């Protein structure tokens, strides 16, 4: 039990959580046909990158530069989610579906 606690408070623990989130995000983006599901996968990928920045900042430099980069990642993710949801809502009004395969029709 004590070994698990030391793993969770080490750099490897944070990197493992980041890798799991990143893998789940990639899996979600590649397997979902729903545009909302793809958007959630992208959010998982961005959160994994933020966790890695904070972990390396805490354990390598001890400065707040990783936290600042993670804050920018959160701001970009919020803006991306707002724009993407607006596009998805507009697409739903046009086609009555949020299936990502149907979005290829919009290219023509």
Protein backbone atom coordinates (compact mmCIF):
# COMPACT_ATOMS: atom_id res chain seq x y z
CA UNK A 1 0.00 0.00 0.00
CA UNK A 2 2.83 2.38 0.84
CA UNK A 3 4.35 1.65 -2.58
CA UNK A 4 1.17 2.82 -4.33
CA UNK A 5 1.21 6.10 -2.42
CA UNK A 6 4.80 6.80 -3.40
CA UNK A 7 4.01 6.04 -7.06
CA UNK A 8 1.08 8.46 -7.10
CA UNK A 9 3.19 11.34 -5.77
CA UNK A 10 6.12 10.76 -8.11
CA UNK A 11 6.77 12.00 -11.61
CA UNK A 12 6.06 8.53 -13.00
CA UNK A 13 2.61 8.55 -11.41
CA UNK A 14 1.68 11.84 -13.06
CA UNK A 15 3.10 10.71 -16.39
CA UNK A 16 1.15 7.45 -16.15
CA UNK A 17 -2.09 9.38 -15.61
CA UNK A 18 -1.21 11.68 -18.50
CA UNK A 19 -0.45 8.71 -20.76
CA UNK A 20 -3.72 7.01 -19.85
CA UNK A 21 -5.69 10.19 -20.56
CA UNK A 22 -3.84 10.68 -23.84
CA UNK A 23 -4.49 7.08 -24.94
CA UNK A 24 -8.17 7.37 -24.03
CA UNK A 25 -8.42 10.63 -25.96
CA UNK A 26 -6.80 9.15 -29.07
CA UNK A 27 -9.07 6.10 -28.80
CA UNK A 28 -12.11 8.35 -28.47
CA UNK A 29 -11.16 10.51 -31.45
CA UNK A 30 -10.47 7.51 -33.69
CA UNK A 31 -13.51 5.40 -32.79
CA UNK A 32 -16.35 7.90 -32.36
CA UNK A 33 -18.60 8.98 -35.18
CA UNK A 34 -20.43 11.45 -32.99
CA UNK A 35 -18.94 14.95 -33.24
CA UNK A 36 -19.47 15.58 -29.52
CA UNK A 37 -17.56 12.39 -28.68
CA UNK A 38 -14.68 13.48 -30.90
CA UNK A 39 -14.65 16.85 -29.16
CA UNK A 40 -14.47 15.14 -25.76
CA UNK A 41 -11.52 13.07 -26.99
CA UNK A 42 -9.69 16.22 -28.00
CA UNK A 43 -10.34 17.66 -24.55
CA UNK A 44 -8.82 14.54 -22.97
CA UNK A 45 -5.70 14.93 -25.11
CA UNK A 46 -5.32 18.57 -24.10
CA UNK A 47 -5.80 17.70 -20.41
CA UNK A 48 -3.13 15.01 -20.68
CA UNK A 49 -0.69 17.57 -22.07
CA UNK A 50 -1.55 19.96 -19.24
CA UNK A 51 -0.91 17.29 -16.61
CA UNK A 52 2.48 16.53 -18.16
CA UNK A 53 3.48 20.20 -18.20
CA UNK A 54 2.54 20.63 -14.54
CA UNK A 55 4.30 17.39 -13.52
CA UNK A 56 7.55 18.27 -15.27
CA UNK A 57 7.41 21.77 -13.86
CA UNK A 58 6.91 20.47 -10.32
CA UNK A 59 9.53 17.74 -10.37
CA UNK A 60 12.22 19.21 -12.67
CA UNK A 61 12.38 22.98 -12.31
CA UNK A 62 10.21 23.79 -9.30
CA UNK A 63 9.01 26.95 -11.05
CA UNK A 64 5.49 27.85 -12.14
CA UNK A 65 6.17 27.82 -15.88
CA UNK A 66 4.36 24.48 -16.33
CA UNK A 67 1.31 25.80 -14.50
CA UNK A 68 1.25 28.86 -16.75
CA UNK A 69 1.40 26.69 -19.87
CA UNK A 70 -1.36 24.48 -18.42
CA UNK A 71 -3.48 27.59 -17.85
CA UNK A 72 -3.03 28.56 -21.51
CA UNK A 73 -3.98 25.02 -22.51
CA UNK A 74 -7.19 25.32 -20.48
CA UNK A 75 -7.97 28.68 -22.08
CA UNK A 76 -7.39 27.29 -25.57
CA UNK A 77 -9.51 24.22 -24.75
CA UNK A 78 -12.39 26.42 -23.56
CA UNK A 79 -12.25 28.54 -26.71
CA UNK A 80 -11.98 25.45 -28.89
CA UNK A 81 -14.98 23.87 -27.17
CA UNK A 82 -17.09 27.01 -27.62
CA UNK A 83 -16.29 27.31 -31.32
CA UNK A 84 -16.64 23.59 -31.97
CA UNK A 85 -20.00 23.40 -30.19
CA UNK A 86 -21.25 26.35 -32.24
CA UNK A 87 -20.19 24.60 -35.45
CA UNK A 88 -21.78 21.33 -34.29
CA UNK A 89 -25.05 23.09 -33.43
CA UNK A 90 -25.13 24.78 -36.84
CA UNK A 91 -24.39 21.47 -38.54
CA UNK A 92 -27.20 19.82 -36.56
CA UNK A 93 -29.64 22.49 -37.67
CA UNK A 94 -28.67 21.90 -41.31
CA UNK A 95 -28.51 18.09 -41.40
CA UNK A 96 -30.42 16.95 -38.26
CA UNK A 97 -27.45 14.77 -37.26
CA UNK A 98 -24.11 15.16 -35.52
CA UNK A 99 -22.49 12.19 -37.27
CA UNK A 100 -18.96 13.18 -38.29
CA UNK A 101 -19.19 11.11 -41.49
CA UNK A 102 -21.97 13.39 -42.72
CA UNK A 103 -19.72 16.44 -42.33
CA UNK A 104 -17.76 15.46 -45.44
CA UNK A 105 -20.81 16.60 -47.44
CA UNK A 106 -20.04 20.18 -46.38
CA UNK A 107 -16.80 20.23 -48.40
CA UNK A 108 -18.68 20.36 -51.71
